[in-house]
């Protein structure tokens, strides 16, 4: 498990103000899946436990192989034997635990992720790519096929392409892509104030099969992985789990669409 970190210099936020805010790494005891995105004095806030890191092996292997929904077990420390769930990726693999386990965890405790899902494919939908999609999510979302052969998925919000920021051009199996919601007035104007960690969202006109980029008529499905960002071009992070032609998806907007419900994550 990672240790908390602090940037070695000031950041400048979207209002031109120098800031140093809590954000990535360590253990966040009071923010978990289901917590609001925009209510914190933080930058790229990672909820729950930030495991490993996007560094040299073995961290790089963990960052690639872990998938949303995979089980996690605590191996050492006061919480040994406790179990949790992979719920996202950012600079670290993000894990959610029951509160009684989370309260006992600390930096340096060892975790075992039972990684599975990279390479998962829907054989009846060969033009839809799955990314960091653990097999547990097939029931946890849930994903079903409607009468027209489309993948029916509920999403908490649809994100237009012009809001997609940092992470465009990066590998879609790796970390996340930021949605440029750095200003409170933008969040309010576009009606995204209800977003929570773990919400399922659709990114419109995005092709995230072999990286991340703009493509009209395509769609990427993702999960809100980290909280508000304050640096221009950044914002709240979304990890990609599916991408394909928009016509392959039947989207229903439901503000309660969150992986915490389907995966049975305790409040």
C-alpha atoms as a PDB file:
ATOM      1  CA  UNK A   1       0.000   0.000   0.000  1.00  0.00           C
ATOM      2  CA  UNK A   2       1.324   3.449  -0.915  1.00  0.00           C
ATOM      3  CA  UNK A   3       2.455   6.191   1.436  1.00  0.00           C
ATOM      4  CA  UNK A   4       0.906   9.673   1.276  1.00  0.00           C
ATOM      5  CA  UNK A   5       2.783  12.073  -0.973  1.00  0.00           C
ATOM      6  CA  UNK A   6       3.124  15.824  -1.339  1.00  0.00           C
ATOM      7  CA  UNK A   7       4.074  17.746  -4.448  1.00  0.00           C
ATOM      8  CA  UNK A   8       7.459  19.458  -4.241  1.00  0.00           C
ATOM      9  CA  UNK A   9       6.066  22.716  -5.601  1.00  0.00           C
ATOM     10  CA  UNK A  10       2.886  24.754  -5.743  1.00  0.00           C
ATOM     11  CA  UNK A  11       0.237  24.004  -8.351  1.00  0.00           C
ATOM     12  CA  UNK A  12      -1.729  26.783 -10.014  1.00  0.00           C
ATOM     13  CA  UNK A  13      -5.476  26.182 -10.148  1.00  0.00           C
ATOM     14  CA  UNK A  14      -7.990  27.150 -12.840  1.00  0.00           C
ATOM     15  CA  UNK A  15      -8.423  30.580 -11.179  1.00  0.00           C
ATOM     16  CA  UNK A  16      -4.693  31.362 -11.254  1.00  0.00           C
ATOM     17  CA  UNK A  17      -4.227  30.767  -7.522  1.00  0.00           C
ATOM     18  CA  UNK A  18      -1.206  28.898  -6.113  1.00  0.00           C
ATOM     19  CA  UNK A  19      -2.407  25.875  -4.129  1.00  0.00           C
ATOM     20  CA  UNK A  20      -1.100  22.883  -2.208  1.00  0.00           C
ATOM     21  CA  UNK A  21      -3.918  20.427  -1.546  1.00  0.00           C
ATOM     22  CA  UNK A  22      -4.223  16.820  -0.322  1.00  0.00           C
ATOM     23  CA  UNK A  23      -4.769  14.388  -3.149  1.00  0.00           C
ATOM     24  CA  UNK A  24      -3.200  11.138  -4.267  1.00  0.00           C
ATOM     25  CA  UNK A  25      -1.774   8.135  -2.397  1.00  0.00           C
ATOM     26  CA  UNK A  26      -2.068   6.669   1.081  1.00  0.00           C
ATOM     27  CA  UNK A  27      -5.364   5.814   2.775  1.00  0.00           C
ATOM     28  CA  UNK A  28      -8.394   8.107   2.717  1.00  0.00           C
ATOM     29  CA  UNK A  29     -10.592   7.007   5.604  1.00  0.00           C
ATOM     30  CA  UNK A  30     -13.636   9.196   4.994  1.00  0.00           C
ATOM     31  CA  UNK A  31     -14.080   9.141   1.199  1.00  0.00           C
ATOM     32  CA  UNK A  32     -15.209   5.941  -0.520  1.00  0.00           C
ATOM     33  CA  UNK A  33     -17.296   4.704  -3.435  1.00  0.00           C
ATOM     34  CA  UNK A  34     -20.583   6.605  -3.259  1.00  0.00           C
ATOM     35  CA  UNK A  35     -18.990   9.762  -1.827  1.00  0.00           C
ATOM     36  CA  UNK A  36     -19.599  13.020  -3.735  1.00  0.00           C
ATOM     37  CA  UNK A  37     -16.967  14.177  -6.218  1.00  0.00           C
ATOM     38  CA  UNK A  38     -17.012  17.940  -5.723  1.00  0.00           C
ATOM     39  CA  UNK A  39     -17.317  18.442  -1.947  1.00  0.00           C
ATOM     40  CA  UNK A  40     -13.640  18.315  -0.969  1.00  0.00           C
ATOM     41  CA  UNK A  41     -10.711  20.682  -0.617  1.00  0.00           C
ATOM     42  CA  UNK A  42      -8.469  18.351  -2.597  1.00  0.00           C
ATOM     43  CA  UNK A  43      -6.827  17.783  -5.972  1.00  0.00           C
ATOM     44  CA  UNK A  44      -7.261  14.433  -7.768  1.00  0.00           C
ATOM     45  CA  UNK A  45      -8.582  12.939  -4.523  1.00  0.00           C
ATOM     46  CA  UNK A  46      -8.234   9.127  -4.436  1.00  0.00           C
ATOM     47  CA  UNK A  47     -10.911   7.547  -2.258  1.00  0.00           C
ATOM     48  CA  UNK A  48     -10.228   4.544  -0.049  1.00  0.00           C
ATOM     49  CA  UNK A  49      -6.860   2.842  -0.532  1.00  0.00           C
ATOM     50  CA  UNK A  50      -4.266   3.744  -3.179  1.00  0.00           C
ATOM     51  CA  UNK A  51      -2.364   0.517  -3.841  1.00  0.00           C
ATOM     52  CA  UNK A  52       1.050   0.257  -5.489  1.00  0.00           C
ATOM     53  CA  UNK A  53       1.780   2.823  -8.159  1.00  0.00           C
ATOM     54  CA  UNK A  54       2.461   3.419 -11.836  1.00  0.00           C
ATOM     55  CA  UNK A  55       6.208   2.964 -11.427  1.00  0.00           C
ATOM     56  CA  UNK A  56       8.679   0.277 -12.533  1.00  0.00           C
ATOM     57  CA  UNK A  57       7.869  -3.449 -12.058  1.00  0.00           C
ATOM     58  CA  UNK A  58       6.167  -4.854 -10.092  1.00  0.00           C
ATOM     59  CA  UNK A  59       3.966  -1.766  -9.734  1.00  0.00           C
ATOM     60  CA  UNK A  60       3.543  -1.470 -13.505  1.00  0.00           C
ATOM     61  CA  UNK A  61       2.198  -5.032 -13.715  1.00  0.00           C
ATOM     62  CA  UNK A  62      -0.321  -4.361 -10.946  1.00  0.00           C
ATOM     63  CA  UNK A  63      -1.446  -1.138 -12.634  1.00  0.00           C
ATOM     64  CA  UNK A  64      -2.078  -2.950 -15.929  1.00  0.00           C
ATOM     65  CA  UNK A  65      -3.488  -6.278 -14.735  1.00  0.00           C
ATOM     66  CA  UNK A  66      -5.874  -5.126 -12.002  1.00  0.00           C
ATOM     67  CA  UNK A  67      -9.467  -4.635 -13.192  1.00  0.00           C
ATOM     68  CA  UNK A  68     -12.519  -3.015 -11.649  1.00  0.00           C
ATOM     69  CA  UNK A  69     -14.412  -5.538  -9.547  1.00  0.00           C
ATOM     70  CA  UNK A  70     -11.385  -7.731  -8.736  1.00  0.00           C
ATOM     71  CA  UNK A  71     -11.165  -8.921  -5.107  1.00  0.00           C
ATOM     72  CA  UNK A  72      -8.421  -7.628  -2.797  1.00  0.00           C
ATOM     73  CA  UNK A  73      -7.152  -9.263   0.396  1.00  0.00           C
ATOM     74  CA  UNK A  74      -5.075  -7.659   3.163  1.00  0.00           C
ATOM     75  CA  UNK A  75      -1.983  -9.758   3.923  1.00  0.00           C
ATOM     76  CA  UNK A  76      -0.274  -7.882   6.752  1.00  0.00           C
ATOM     77  CA  UNK A  77      -0.968  -5.465   9.588  1.00  0.00           C
ATOM     78  CA  UNK A  78      -3.938  -5.102  11.959  1.00  0.00           C
ATOM     79  CA  UNK A  79      -6.423  -5.544   9.086  1.00  0.00           C
ATOM     80  CA  UNK A  80      -4.883  -8.831   7.828  1.00  0.00           C
ATOM     81  CA  UNK A  81      -7.548 -11.101   6.372  1.00  0.00           C
ATOM     82  CA  UNK A  82      -9.844  -8.226   5.451  1.00  0.00           C
ATOM     83  CA  UNK A  83     -11.200  -8.147   1.921  1.00  0.00           C
ATOM     84  CA  UNK A  84     -12.022  -5.347  -0.501  1.00  0.00           C
ATOM     85  CA  UNK A  85     -12.579  -4.569  -4.165  1.00  0.00           C
ATOM     86  CA  UNK A  86     -10.723  -2.787  -6.975  1.00  0.00           C
ATOM     87  CA  UNK A  87     -12.893   0.196  -7.903  1.00  0.00           C
ATOM     88  CA  UNK A  88     -10.673   2.264 -10.209  1.00  0.00           C
ATOM     89  CA  UNK A  89      -7.237   3.283 -11.444  1.00  0.00           C
ATOM     90  CA  UNK A  90      -5.400   6.587 -11.409  1.00  0.00           C
ATOM     91  CA  UNK A  91      -1.783   6.998 -10.376  1.00  0.00           C
ATOM     92  CA  UNK A  92      -2.487   3.932  -8.228  1.00  0.00           C
ATOM     93  CA  UNK A  93      -4.872   0.994  -8.193  1.00  0.00           C
ATOM     94  CA  UNK A  94      -7.825   2.219  -6.139  1.00  0.00           C
ATOM     95  CA  UNK A  95      -9.456  -0.175  -3.669  1.00  0.00           C
ATOM     96  CA  UNK A  96     -12.563   0.058  -1.520  1.00  0.00           C
ATOM     97  CA  UNK A  97     -12.874  -1.740   1.842  1.00  0.00           C
ATOM     98  CA  UNK A  98     -15.584  -1.975   4.505  1.00  0.00           C
ATOM     99  CA  UNK A  99     -15.183   0.874   6.965  1.00  0.00           C
ATOM    100  CA  UNK A 100     -14.088  -1.393   9.827  1.00  0.00           C
ATOM    101  CA  UNK A 101     -11.252  -2.740   7.645  1.00  0.00           C
ATOM    102  CA  UNK A 102     -10.364   0.661   6.228  1.00  0.00           C
ATOM    103  CA  UNK A 103      -9.976   2.089   9.730  1.00  0.00           C
ATOM    104  CA  UNK A 104      -7.225  -0.465  10.491  1.00  0.00           C
ATOM    105  CA  UNK A 105      -5.242  -0.054   7.272  1.00  0.00           C
ATOM    106  CA  UNK A 106      -2.089   2.017   7.002  1.00  0.00           C
ATOM    107  CA  UNK A 107       0.742   2.735   4.555  1.00  0.00           C
ATOM    108  CA  UNK A 108       3.030  -0.247   4.081  1.00  0.00           C
ATOM    109  CA  UNK A 109       0.372  -2.910   4.673  1.00  0.00           C
ATOM    110  CA  UNK A 110       0.573  -5.516   1.909  1.00  0.00           C
ATOM    111  CA  UNK A 111      -2.397  -6.243  -0.343  1.00  0.00           C
ATOM    112  CA  UNK A 112      -3.051  -9.110  -2.756  1.00  0.00           C
ATOM    113  CA  UNK A 113      -5.161  -8.302  -5.826  1.00  0.00           C
ATOM    114  CA  UNK A 114      -6.695 -11.339  -7.539  1.00  0.00           C
ATOM    115  CA  UNK A 115      -6.324  -9.771 -10.987  1.00  0.00           C
ATOM    116  CA  UNK A 116      -8.544 -10.937 -13.849  1.00  0.00           C
ATOM    117  CA  UNK A 117     -10.224  -9.256 -16.796  1.00  0.00           C
ATOM    118  CA  UNK A 118      -7.606  -7.814 -19.137  1.00  0.00           C
ATOM    119  CA  UNK A 119      -8.382  -9.467 -22.470  1.00  0.00           C
ATOM    120  CA  UNK A 120     -12.035 -10.053 -21.595  1.00  0.00           C
ATOM    121  CA  UNK A 121     -14.174  -9.912 -24.748  1.00  0.00           C
ATOM    122  CA  UNK A 122     -17.881 -10.036 -25.591  1.00  0.00           C
ATOM    123  CA  UNK A 123     -17.897 -12.572 -28.418  1.00  0.00           C
ATOM    124  CA  UNK A 124     -21.248 -11.385 -29.773  1.00  0.00           C
ATOM    125  CA  UNK A 125     -20.007  -7.769 -29.844  1.00  0.00           C
ATOM    126  CA  UNK A 126     -16.531  -7.932 -31.423  1.00  0.00           C
ATOM    127  CA  UNK A 127     -16.371  -4.187 -32.129  1.00  0.00           C
ATOM    128  CA  UNK A 128     -16.821  -3.327 -28.424  1.00  0.00           C
ATOM    129  CA  UNK A 129     -13.522  -3.364 -26.517  1.00  0.00           C
ATOM    130  CA  UNK A 130     -13.396  -4.129 -22.793  1.00  0.00           C
ATOM    131  CA  UNK A 131     -10.802  -2.283 -20.731  1.00  0.00           C
ATOM    132  CA  UNK A 132      -9.959  -2.988 -17.055  1.00  0.00           C
ATOM    133  CA  UNK A 133     -13.336  -4.736 -16.890  1.00  0.00           C
ATOM    134  CA  UNK A 134     -13.273  -7.420 -14.202  1.00  0.00           C
ATOM    135  CA  UNK A 135     -15.629 -10.369 -14.763  1.00  0.00           C
ATOM    136  CA  UNK A 136     -17.383  -9.344 -11.547  1.00  0.00           C
ATOM    137  CA  UNK A 137     -18.764  -6.304 -13.412  1.00  0.00           C
ATOM    138  CA  UNK A 138     -20.787  -8.422 -15.844  1.00  0.00           C
ATOM    139  CA  UNK A 139     -23.305  -8.877 -13.038  1.00  0.00           C
ATOM    140  CA  UNK A 140     -22.316  -5.824 -11.026  1.00  0.00           C
ATOM    141  CA  UNK A 141     -23.273  -3.139 -13.543  1.00  0.00           C
ATOM    142  CA  UNK A 142     -25.334  -5.079 -14.839  1.00  0.00           C
ATOM    143  CA  UNK A 143     -24.792  -5.398 -18.609  1.00  0.00           C
ATOM    144  CA  UNK A 144     -27.624  -6.906 -20.645  1.00  0.00           C
ATOM    145  CA  UNK A 145     -28.585  -7.176 -24.323  1.00  0.00           C
ATOM    146  CA  UNK A 146     -31.814  -5.463 -25.387  1.00  0.00           C
ATOM    147  CA  UNK A 147     -34.253  -6.594 -28.066  1.00  0.00           C
ATOM    148  CA  UNK A 148     -32.252  -4.829 -30.768  1.00  0.00           C
ATOM    149  CA  UNK A 149     -29.007  -6.564 -29.821  1.00  0.00           C
ATOM    150  CA  UNK A 150     -27.532  -3.476 -28.156  1.00  0.00           C
ATOM    151  CA  UNK A 151     -25.730  -3.424 -24.818  1.00  0.00           C
ATOM    152  CA  UNK A 152     -28.155  -1.829 -22.368  1.00  0.00           C
ATOM    153  CA  UNK A 153     -26.343   0.130 -19.647  1.00  0.00           C
ATOM    154  CA  UNK A 154     -27.512   2.686 -17.099  1.00  0.00           C
ATOM    155  CA  UNK A 155     -25.290   5.758 -16.679  1.00  0.00           C
ATOM    156  CA  UNK A 156     -25.371   8.566 -14.136  1.00  0.00           C
ATOM    157  CA  UNK A 157     -24.399  11.151 -16.777  1.00  0.00           C
ATOM    158  CA  UNK A 158     -23.263  11.615 -20.368  1.00  0.00           C
ATOM    159  CA  UNK A 159     -20.014  13.554 -20.874  1.00  0.00           C
ATOM    160  CA  UNK A 160     -19.528  15.526 -24.131  1.00  0.00           C
ATOM    161  CA  UNK A 161     -16.213  15.226 -25.956  1.00  0.00           C
ATOM    162  CA  UNK A 162     -15.227  18.871 -25.388  1.00  0.00           C
ATOM    163  CA  UNK A 163     -14.880  18.213 -21.656  1.00  0.00           C
ATOM    164  CA  UNK A 164     -12.324  15.423 -22.034  1.00  0.00           C
ATOM    165  CA  UNK A 165      -8.888  16.531 -20.850  1.00  0.00           C
ATOM    166  CA  UNK A 166      -5.704  15.003 -19.437  1.00  0.00           C
ATOM    167  CA  UNK A 167      -5.451  11.338 -20.385  1.00  0.00           C
ATOM    168  CA  UNK A 168      -6.432  11.757 -24.036  1.00  0.00           C
ATOM    169  CA  UNK A 169      -3.790   9.882 -26.017  1.00  0.00           C
ATOM    170  CA  UNK A 170      -2.886   7.582 -23.129  1.00  0.00           C
ATOM    171  CA  UNK A 171      -3.406   3.832 -22.951  1.00  0.00           C
ATOM    172  CA  UNK A 172      -6.992   2.986 -22.039  1.00  0.00           C
ATOM    173  CA  UNK A 173      -5.860  -0.038 -19.992  1.00  0.00           C
ATOM    174  CA  UNK A 174      -3.670   2.069 -17.736  1.00  0.00           C
ATOM    175  CA  UNK A 175      -4.937   4.988 -15.692  1.00  0.00           C
ATOM    176  CA  UNK A 176      -7.857   7.318 -16.322  1.00  0.00           C
ATOM    177  CA  UNK A 177      -8.977  10.280 -18.405  1.00  0.00           C
ATOM    178  CA  UNK A 178      -9.840  13.568 -16.719  1.00  0.00           C
ATOM    179  CA  UNK A 179     -13.104  15.401 -17.331  1.00  0.00           C
ATOM    180  CA  UNK A 180     -12.381  19.146 -17.255  1.00  0.00           C
ATOM    181  CA  UNK A 181     -14.756  20.067 -14.443  1.00  0.00           C
ATOM    182  CA  UNK A 182     -12.359  22.309 -12.528  1.00  0.00           C
ATOM    183  CA  UNK A 183     -14.658  25.284 -11.978  1.00  0.00           C
ATOM    184  CA  UNK A 184     -17.727  25.230  -9.716  1.00  0.00           C
ATOM    185  CA  UNK A 185     -19.782  27.335 -12.141  1.00  0.00           C
ATOM    186  CA  UNK A 186     -19.138  24.834 -14.938  1.00  0.00           C
ATOM    187  CA  UNK A 187     -20.219  21.931 -12.747  1.00  0.00           C
ATOM    188  CA  UNK A 188     -23.430  23.784 -11.812  1.00  0.00           C
ATOM    189  CA  UNK A 189     -24.183  24.996 -15.333  1.00  0.00           C
ATOM    190  CA  UNK A 190     -23.850  21.523 -16.855  1.00  0.00           C
ATOM    191  CA  UNK A 191     -25.667  19.768 -14.007  1.00  0.00           C
ATOM    192  CA  UNK A 192     -22.904  17.440 -12.840  1.00  0.00           C
ATOM    193  CA  UNK A 193     -23.031  18.314  -9.145  1.00  0.00           C
ATOM    194  CA  UNK A 194     -24.633  14.965  -8.306  1.00  0.00           C
ATOM    195  CA  UNK A 195     -21.666  12.852  -9.485  1.00  0.00           C
ATOM    196  CA  UNK A 196     -20.166  10.402  -6.996  1.00  0.00           C
ATOM    197  CA  UNK A 197     -17.088   8.229  -6.831  1.00  0.00           C
ATOM    198  CA  UNK A 198     -17.981   4.987  -8.603  1.00  0.00           C
ATOM    199  CA  UNK A 199     -20.669   6.455 -10.877  1.00  0.00           C
ATOM    200  CA  UNK A 200     -20.981   4.901 -14.331  1.00  0.00           C
ATOM    201  CA  UNK A 201     -20.819   7.517 -17.109  1.00  0.00           C
ATOM    202  CA  UNK A 202     -20.825   7.601 -20.918  1.00  0.00           C
ATOM    203  CA  UNK A 203     -18.175   9.649 -22.746  1.00  0.00           C
ATOM    204  CA  UNK A 204     -19.695  10.738 -26.057  1.00  0.00           C
ATOM    205  CA  UNK A 205     -17.747  10.825 -29.355  1.00  0.00           C
ATOM    206  CA  UNK A 206     -14.823   8.993 -27.759  1.00  0.00           C
ATOM    207  CA  UNK A 207     -12.968   5.945 -29.077  1.00  0.00           C
ATOM    208  CA  UNK A 208     -11.057   4.335 -26.216  1.00  0.00           C
ATOM    209  CA  UNK A 209     -10.311   0.947 -27.760  1.00  0.00           C
ATOM    210  CA  UNK A 210      -6.597   1.428 -28.548  1.00  0.00           C
ATOM    211  CA  UNK A 211      -5.840   4.503 -26.478  1.00  0.00           C
ATOM    212  CA  UNK A 212      -8.103   7.496 -26.009  1.00  0.00           C
ATOM    213  CA  UNK A 213      -9.226  10.044 -28.575  1.00  0.00           C
ATOM    214  CA  UNK A 214     -12.098  11.824 -30.275  1.00  0.00           C
ATOM    215  CA  UNK A 215     -14.184   9.960 -32.843  1.00  0.00           C
ATOM    216  CA  UNK A 216     -17.687  11.031 -33.867  1.00  0.00           C
ATOM    217  CA  UNK A 217     -20.356   8.376 -33.500  1.00  0.00           C
ATOM    218  CA  UNK A 218     -18.398   6.338 -30.970  1.00  0.00           C
ATOM    219  CA  UNK A 219     -18.764   5.999 -27.217  1.00  0.00           C
ATOM    220  CA  UNK A 220     -16.748   5.018 -24.172  1.00  0.00           C
ATOM    221  CA  UNK A 221     -18.270   3.806 -20.915  1.00  0.00           C
ATOM    222  CA  UNK A 222     -16.358   4.633 -17.753  1.00  0.00           C
ATOM    223  CA  UNK A 223     -16.410   4.795 -13.976  1.00  0.00           C
ATOM    224  CA  UNK A 224     -15.646   7.914 -11.920  1.00  0.00           C
ATOM    225  CA  UNK A 225     -12.360   6.959 -10.273  1.00  0.00           C
ATOM    226  CA  UNK A 226     -11.118  10.052  -8.456  1.00  0.00           C
ATOM    227  CA  UNK A 227     -12.422  13.330  -7.127  1.00  0.00           C
ATOM    228  CA  UNK A 228     -12.205  16.915  -8.282  1.00  0.00           C
ATOM    229  CA  UNK A 229      -9.083  18.236  -9.967  1.00  0.00           C
ATOM    230  CA  UNK A 230      -8.184  21.920  -9.841  1.00  0.00           C
ATOM    231  CA  UNK A 231      -5.426  22.243 -12.478  1.00  0.00           C
ATOM    232  CA  UNK A 232      -6.458  23.497 -15.951  1.00  0.00           C
ATOM    233  CA  UNK A 233      -6.903  20.623 -18.385  1.00  0.00           C
ATOM    234  CA  UNK A 234      -7.492  18.171 -15.539  1.00  0.00           C
ATOM    235  CA  UNK A 235     -10.568  17.426 -13.442  1.00  0.00           C
ATOM    236  CA  UNK A 236     -12.405  14.430 -12.030  1.00  0.00           C
ATOM    237  CA  UNK A 237     -11.019  11.164 -13.415  1.00  0.00           C
ATOM    238  CA  UNK A 238     -12.915   8.445 -15.299  1.00  0.00           C
ATOM    239  CA  UNK A 239     -11.485   4.975 -15.959  1.00  0.00           C
ATOM    240  CA  UNK A 240     -12.519   3.380 -19.257  1.00  0.00           C
ATOM    241  CA  UNK A 241     -14.268  -0.008 -19.080  1.00  0.00           C
ATOM    242  CA  UNK A 242     -15.911  -0.324 -22.526  1.00  0.00           C
ATOM    243  CA  UNK A 243     -15.705   1.411 -25.906  1.00  0.00           C
ATOM    244  CA  UNK A 244     -17.283   0.910 -29.312  1.00  0.00           C
ATOM    245  CA  UNK A 245     -19.693   2.412 -31.852  1.00  0.00           C
ATOM    246  CA  UNK A 246     -22.422   4.434 -30.131  1.00  0.00           C
ATOM    247  CA  UNK A 247     -25.074   2.427 -31.960  1.00  0.00           C
ATOM    248  CA  UNK A 248     -23.978  -0.669 -30.030  1.00  0.00           C
ATOM    249  CA  UNK A 249     -25.134   0.850 -26.739  1.00  0.00           C
ATOM    250  CA  UNK A 250     -28.590   1.583 -25.366  1.00  0.00           C
ATOM    251  CA  UNK A 251     -27.959   4.163 -22.652  1.00  0.00           C
ATOM    252  CA  UNK A 252     -30.459   4.986 -19.905  1.00  0.00           C
ATOM    253  CA  UNK A 253     -29.677   7.951 -17.651  1.00  0.00           C
ATOM    254  CA  UNK A 254     -30.089   6.985 -13.995  1.00  0.00           C
ATOM    255  CA  UNK A 255     -28.409   9.112 -11.304  1.00  0.00           C
ATOM    256  CA  UNK A 256     -28.151   6.016  -9.112  1.00  0.00           C
ATOM    257  CA  UNK A 257     -25.952   4.149 -11.621  1.00  0.00           C
ATOM    258  CA  UNK A 258     -22.951   3.387  -9.404  1.00  0.00           C
ATOM    259  CA  UNK A 259     -20.767   0.283  -9.133  1.00  0.00           C
ATOM    260  CA  UNK A 260     -21.169   0.288  -5.353  1.00  0.00           C
ATOM    261  CA  UNK A 261     -24.712  -1.021  -5.680  1.00  0.00           C
ATOM    262  CA  UNK A 262     -24.020  -3.839  -8.120  1.00  0.00           C
ATOM    263  CA  UNK A 263     -20.797  -4.967  -6.437  1.00  0.00           C
ATOM    264  CA  UNK A 264     -22.408  -4.915  -2.994  1.00  0.00           C
ATOM    265  CA  UNK A 265     -19.901  -2.483  -1.520  1.00  0.00           C
ATOM    266  CA  UNK A 266     -20.957  -1.672   2.061  1.00  0.00           C
ATOM    267  CA  UNK A 267     -21.705   1.911   3.005  1.00  0.00           C
END
